[in-house]
Amino acid sequence: MPKYHMRKKEREIKDKNILNRILRQGKYAIISMCRKNEPYIVTLSYGYDQKKNSFYFHCSPFGLKSDFVKSNPNVCATVIEDRGYKKGKCKHSYRSVVLWGKMHIIQNLKEKKYAIDVLLRHLEGGSDKYKQESLQSDEAYKKVGILRLDIEETTVKQDQ
C-alpha cells in the first residue's frame, strides 16, 4: 500500500503525549475490515494498553467480526475526540487518530484475563463489579470473545 502524506501539515500532531492522551480518554474505535472484496465497519468500545501499544475489544467469540479477522487481520481504525461544532464558522473542532495494525483473536486464558482488566480499567476506572458478577470462573472467561489490535502505525490531526 502506498504511503500518503498529510496534505494540511498545520493540522498534524506529532507529539506522542497528545496521541496517548486521546487514546486513553477515548471510549470507542471505529474499525474497518475487509475480506476479499467485501468491506465491513464496526464501532467498538475498547481498552487501551499503552505499554503494549494495543487495543483490546470485548465481543462475541463467534460471528462476523471473527470471520473477517480470520480472513484478513489487517485493519484500519479511528478514534475521534469531539471538541464541538463552532456555530457561525461552519467548522468542527476535533482531534482524530487514524491507526493501522493487525487484529488477533485471543484464545489464551491468561491474556483474556489481562485484557478484561485493561478494558475495565479503561472504561470503568478499574471496577471489579463486572468480574465479580460475570467472571467468577475460568469457564466464564473461556466464553468471552476478546480481540487485540496491535497498532503498527498512526496519524494524528486536529482542527481547532
C-alpha atoms as a PDB file:
ATOM      1  CA  MET A   1       0.000   0.000   0.000  1.00  0.00           C
ATOM      2  CA  PRO A   2       1.479   3.383  -0.957  1.00  0.00           C
ATOM      3  CA  LYS A   3       2.194   5.893   1.805  1.00  0.00           C
ATOM      4  CA  TYR A   4       0.343   9.167   1.651  1.00  0.00           C
ATOM      5  CA  HIS A   5       1.387  12.364   3.335  1.00  0.00           C
ATOM      6  CA  MET A   6      -0.945  14.645   5.219  1.00  0.00           C
ATOM      7  CA  ARG A   7      -1.984  17.481   2.896  1.00  0.00           C
ATOM      8  CA  LYS A   8      -2.549  20.079   5.616  1.00  0.00           C
ATOM      9  CA  LYS A   9       0.655  19.801   7.638  1.00  0.00           C
ATOM     10  CA  GLU A  10      -0.506  22.526  10.053  1.00  0.00           C
ATOM     11  CA  ARG A  11      -3.157  20.078  11.347  1.00  0.00           C
ATOM     12  CA  GLU A  12      -0.746  17.229  12.004  1.00  0.00           C
ATOM     13  CA  ILE A  13       0.076  16.346  15.619  1.00  0.00           C
ATOM     14  CA  LYS A  14       3.409  14.610  16.155  1.00  0.00           C
ATOM     15  CA  ASP A  15       3.502  14.792  19.948  1.00  0.00           C
ATOM     16  CA  LYS A  16       3.214  11.203  21.280  1.00  0.00           C
ATOM     17  CA  ASN A  17       1.891  12.523  24.606  1.00  0.00           C
ATOM     18  CA  ILE A  18      -1.127  14.034  22.836  1.00  0.00           C
ATOM     19  CA  LEU A  19      -1.649  10.806  20.876  1.00  0.00           C
ATOM     20  CA  ASN A  20      -1.621   8.748  24.073  1.00  0.00           C
ATOM     21  CA  ARG A  21      -3.936  11.186  25.860  1.00  0.00           C
ATOM     22  CA  ILE A  22      -6.501  10.954  23.021  1.00  0.00           C
ATOM     23  CA  LEU A  23      -6.359   7.142  23.092  1.00  0.00           C
ATOM     24  CA  ARG A  24      -6.534   6.992  26.904  1.00  0.00           C
ATOM     25  CA  GLN A  25      -9.544   9.321  27.024  1.00  0.00           C
ATOM     26  CA  GLY A  26     -11.410   7.785  24.071  1.00  0.00           C
ATOM     27  CA  LYS A  27     -14.035   5.115  24.570  1.00  0.00           C
ATOM     28  CA  TYR A  28     -14.895   3.959  21.033  1.00  0.00           C
ATOM     29  CA  ALA A  29     -12.896   2.992  17.974  1.00  0.00           C
ATOM     30  CA  ILE A  30     -14.386   2.676  14.520  1.00  0.00           C
ATOM     31  CA  ILE A  31     -12.792  -0.401  12.934  1.00  0.00           C
ATOM     32  CA  SER A  32     -12.707  -1.087   9.204  1.00  0.00           C
ATOM     33  CA  MET A  33     -12.012  -4.572   7.904  1.00  0.00           C
ATOM     34  CA  CYS A  34     -12.057  -6.296   4.560  1.00  0.00           C
ATOM     35  CA  ARG A  35     -12.194  -9.852   3.300  1.00  0.00           C
ATOM     36  CA  LYS A  36     -11.731 -10.422  -0.394  1.00  0.00           C
ATOM     37  CA  ASN A  37     -13.714  -7.523  -1.871  1.00  0.00           C
ATOM     38  CA  GLU A  38     -16.245  -7.176   0.978  1.00  0.00           C
ATOM     39  CA  PRO A  39     -15.848  -4.220   3.396  1.00  0.00           C
ATOM     40  CA  TYR A  40     -17.090  -4.179   6.991  1.00  0.00           C
ATOM     41  CA  ILE A  41     -17.038  -1.399   9.565  1.00  0.00           C
ATOM     42  CA  VAL A  42     -17.960  -1.600  13.236  1.00  0.00           C
ATOM     43  CA  THR A  43     -17.754   0.679  16.280  1.00  0.00           C
ATOM     44  CA  LEU A  44     -16.464  -0.973  19.453  1.00  0.00           C
ATOM     45  CA  SER A  45     -15.621   0.211  22.953  1.00  0.00           C
ATOM     46  CA  TYR A  46     -12.001  -0.504  23.769  1.00  0.00           C
ATOM     47  CA  GLY A  47      -9.368  -0.746  26.434  1.00  0.00           C
ATOM     48  CA  TYR A  48      -6.064   0.917  25.509  1.00  0.00           C
ATOM     49  CA  ASP A  49      -2.854  -0.724  26.667  1.00  0.00           C
ATOM     50  CA  GLN A  50      -0.217   1.973  26.221  1.00  0.00           C
ATOM     51  CA  LYS A  51       2.669  -0.314  27.232  1.00  0.00           C
ATOM     52  CA  LYS A  52       1.816  -2.865  24.545  1.00  0.00           C
ATOM     53  CA  ASN A  53       0.571  -0.223  22.070  1.00  0.00           C
ATOM     54  CA  SER A  54      -2.616  -2.259  21.644  1.00  0.00           C
ATOM     55  CA  PHE A  55      -6.378  -2.055  21.959  1.00  0.00           C
ATOM     56  CA  TYR A  56      -8.484  -4.819  23.487  1.00  0.00           C
ATOM     57  CA  PHE A  57     -12.118  -5.336  22.479  1.00  0.00           C
ATOM     58  CA  HIS A  58     -14.825  -7.476  24.085  1.00  0.00           C
ATOM     59  CA  CYS A  59     -17.094  -9.229  21.610  1.00  0.00           C
ATOM     60  CA  SER A  60     -18.861 -12.449  20.826  1.00  0.00           C
ATOM     61  CA  PRO A  61     -16.423 -15.323  20.361  1.00  0.00           C
ATOM     62  CA  PHE A  62     -18.151 -16.154  17.057  1.00  0.00           C
ATOM     63  CA  GLY A  63     -19.663 -14.120  14.256  1.00  0.00           C
ATOM     64  CA  LEU A  64     -18.936 -11.610  11.545  1.00  0.00           C
ATOM     65  CA  LYS A  65     -16.028  -9.794  13.248  1.00  0.00           C
ATOM     66  CA  SER A  66     -14.206 -13.036  13.929  1.00  0.00           C
ATOM     67  CA  ASP A  67     -14.824 -14.262  10.380  1.00  0.00           C
ATOM     68  CA  PHE A  68     -13.352 -11.064   8.937  1.00  0.00           C
ATOM     69  CA  VAL A  69     -10.311 -11.184  11.259  1.00  0.00           C
ATOM     70  CA  LYS A  70      -9.629 -14.815  10.341  1.00  0.00           C
ATOM     71  CA  SER A  71      -9.810 -13.931   6.666  1.00  0.00           C
ATOM     72  CA  ASN A  72      -7.699 -10.752   6.878  1.00  0.00           C
ATOM     73  CA  PRO A  73      -6.151  -9.482  10.146  1.00  0.00           C
ATOM     74  CA  ASN A  74      -5.136  -6.116   8.630  1.00  0.00           C
ATOM     75  CA  VAL A  75      -7.421  -3.353   9.902  1.00  0.00           C
ATOM     76  CA  CYS A  76      -7.684   0.407   9.963  1.00  0.00           C
ATOM     77  CA  ALA A  77      -9.362   2.268  12.809  1.00  0.00           C
ATOM     78  CA  THR A  78     -10.077   5.752  14.015  1.00  0.00           C
ATOM     79  CA  VAL A  79     -10.657   7.369  17.401  1.00  0.00           C
ATOM     80  CA  ILE A  80     -12.138  10.862  17.467  1.00  0.00           C
ATOM     81  CA  GLU A  81     -12.013  13.468  20.226  1.00  0.00           C
ATOM     82  CA  ASP A  82     -15.032  15.673  19.504  1.00  0.00           C
ATOM     83  CA  ARG A  83     -14.307  19.213  20.632  1.00  0.00           C
ATOM     84  CA  GLY A  84     -17.593  20.666  19.408  1.00  0.00           C
ATOM     85  CA  TYR A  85     -19.146  22.396  16.450  1.00  0.00           C
ATOM     86  CA  LYS A  86     -18.281  26.096  16.066  1.00  0.00           C
ATOM     87  CA  LYS A  87     -21.522  27.868  15.164  1.00  0.00           C
ATOM     88  CA  GLY A  88     -21.186  30.747  12.773  1.00  0.00           C
ATOM     89  CA  LYS A  89     -17.867  29.414  11.491  1.00  0.00           C
ATOM     90  CA  CYS A  90     -19.220  26.327   9.701  1.00  0.00           C
ATOM     91  CA  LYS A  91     -16.474  24.357  11.380  1.00  0.00           C
ATOM     92  CA  HIS A  92     -15.987  21.483  13.781  1.00  0.00           C
ATOM     93  CA  SER A  93     -13.147  21.287  16.297  1.00  0.00           C
ATOM     94  CA  TYR A  94     -11.697  17.799  16.751  1.00  0.00           C
ATOM     95  CA  ARG A  95      -8.634  15.649  17.152  1.00  0.00           C
ATOM     96  CA  SER A  96      -8.522  12.306  15.385  1.00  0.00           C
ATOM     97  CA  VAL A  97      -6.219   9.331  15.367  1.00  0.00           C
ATOM     98  CA  VAL A  98      -6.165   7.005  12.378  1.00  0.00           C
ATOM     99  CA  LEU A  99      -4.318   3.797  13.046  1.00  0.00           C
ATOM    100  CA  TRP A 100      -3.348   0.692  11.146  1.00  0.00           C
ATOM    101  CA  GLY A 101      -2.454  -2.672  12.564  1.00  0.00           C
ATOM    102  CA  LYS A 102      -3.196  -6.342  12.915  1.00  0.00           C
ATOM    103  CA  MET A 103      -6.194  -7.778  14.760  1.00  0.00           C
ATOM    104  CA  HIS A 104      -5.855 -11.015  16.698  1.00  0.00           C
ATOM    105  CA  ILE A 105      -8.454 -13.321  18.219  1.00  0.00           C
ATOM    106  CA  ILE A 106      -7.311 -14.089  21.776  1.00  0.00           C
ATOM    107  CA  GLN A 107      -7.744 -17.674  22.964  1.00  0.00           C
ATOM    108  CA  ASN A 108      -5.133 -17.758  25.744  1.00  0.00           C
ATOM    109  CA  LEU A 109      -6.867 -17.649  29.145  1.00  0.00           C
ATOM    110  CA  LYS A 110      -4.126 -15.610  30.817  1.00  0.00           C
ATOM    111  CA  GLU A 111      -4.271 -12.945  28.104  1.00  0.00           C
ATOM    112  CA  LYS A 112      -8.091 -12.904  28.215  1.00  0.00           C
ATOM    113  CA  LYS A 113      -7.931 -12.128  31.934  1.00  0.00           C
ATOM    114  CA  TYR A 114      -5.326  -9.430  31.294  1.00  0.00           C
ATOM    115  CA  ALA A 115      -7.482  -7.960  28.502  1.00  0.00           C
ATOM    116  CA  ILE A 116     -10.576  -7.800  30.716  1.00  0.00           C
ATOM    117  CA  ASP A 117      -8.512  -5.942  33.337  1.00  0.00           C
ATOM    118  CA  VAL A 118      -7.319  -3.461  30.667  1.00  0.00           C
ATOM    119  CA  LEU A 119     -10.902  -2.951  29.451  1.00  0.00           C
ATOM    120  CA  LEU A 120     -12.295  -2.449  32.956  1.00  0.00           C
ATOM    121  CA  ARG A 121      -9.521  -0.011  33.905  1.00  0.00           C
ATOM    122  CA  HIS A 122     -10.043   1.988  30.725  1.00  0.00           C
ATOM    123  CA  LEU A 123     -13.850   2.028  30.654  1.00  0.00           C
ATOM    124  CA  GLU A 124     -14.838   1.619  34.317  1.00  0.00           C
ATOM    125  CA  GLY A 125     -11.854   3.071  36.143  1.00  0.00           C
ATOM    126  CA  GLY A 126     -10.865  -0.360  37.444  1.00  0.00           C
ATOM    127  CA  SER A 127     -14.198  -1.641  38.746  1.00  0.00           C
ATOM    128  CA  ASP A 128     -14.250  -5.281  39.798  1.00  0.00           C
ATOM    129  CA  LYS A 129     -18.059  -5.406  39.969  1.00  0.00           C
ATOM    130  CA  TYR A 130     -18.361  -6.922  36.479  1.00  0.00           C
ATOM    131  CA  LYS A 131     -15.747  -9.566  37.227  1.00  0.00           C
ATOM    132  CA  GLN A 132     -17.452 -10.494  40.496  1.00  0.00           C
ATOM    133  CA  GLU A 133     -20.849 -10.777  38.826  1.00  0.00           C
ATOM    134  CA  SER A 134     -19.946 -12.345  35.474  1.00  0.00           C
ATOM    135  CA  LEU A 135     -16.449 -13.816  35.557  1.00  0.00           C
ATOM    136  CA  GLN A 136     -16.278 -15.991  38.640  1.00  0.00           C
ATOM    137  CA  SER A 137     -14.527 -18.925  36.976  1.00  0.00           C
ATOM    138  CA  ASP A 138     -12.087 -19.784  34.205  1.00  0.00           C
ATOM    139  CA  GLU A 139     -15.020 -21.314  32.304  1.00  0.00           C
ATOM    140  CA  ALA A 140     -16.738 -17.917  32.241  1.00  0.00           C
ATOM    141  CA  TYR A 141     -13.615 -16.314  30.750  1.00  0.00           C
ATOM    142  CA  LYS A 142     -13.447 -19.020  28.088  1.00  0.00           C
ATOM    143  CA  LYS A 143     -16.877 -17.947  26.834  1.00  0.00           C
ATOM    144  CA  VAL A 144     -15.784 -14.314  26.378  1.00  0.00           C
ATOM    145  CA  GLY A 145     -14.592 -13.160  22.976  1.00  0.00           C
ATOM    146  CA  ILE A 146     -11.535 -10.882  23.018  1.00  0.00           C
ATOM    147  CA  LEU A 147      -9.843  -9.171  20.093  1.00  0.00           C
ATOM    148  CA  ARG A 148      -6.469  -7.429  20.312  1.00  0.00           C
ATOM    149  CA  LEU A 149      -5.418  -4.770  17.818  1.00  0.00           C
ATOM    150  CA  ASP A 150      -1.651  -4.338  17.690  1.00  0.00           C
ATOM    151  CA  ILE A 151      -1.067  -0.788  16.482  1.00  0.00           C
ATOM    152  CA  GLU A 152       1.624  -0.542  13.815  1.00  0.00           C
ATOM    153  CA  GLU A 153       1.188   2.991  12.504  1.00  0.00           C
ATOM    154  CA  THR A 154      -0.750   6.143  13.440  1.00  0.00           C
ATOM    155  CA  THR A 155      -1.508   9.596  12.124  1.00  0.00           C
ATOM    156  CA  VAL A 156      -2.964  12.276  14.354  1.00  0.00           C
ATOM    157  CA  LYS A 157      -4.562  15.523  13.254  1.00  0.00           C
ATOM    158  CA  GLN A 158      -6.665  18.312  14.614  1.00  0.00           C
ATOM    159  CA  ASP A 159      -8.820  21.197  13.513  1.00  0.00           C
ATOM    160  CA  GLN A 160      -9.262  23.905  16.088  1.00  0.00           C
END
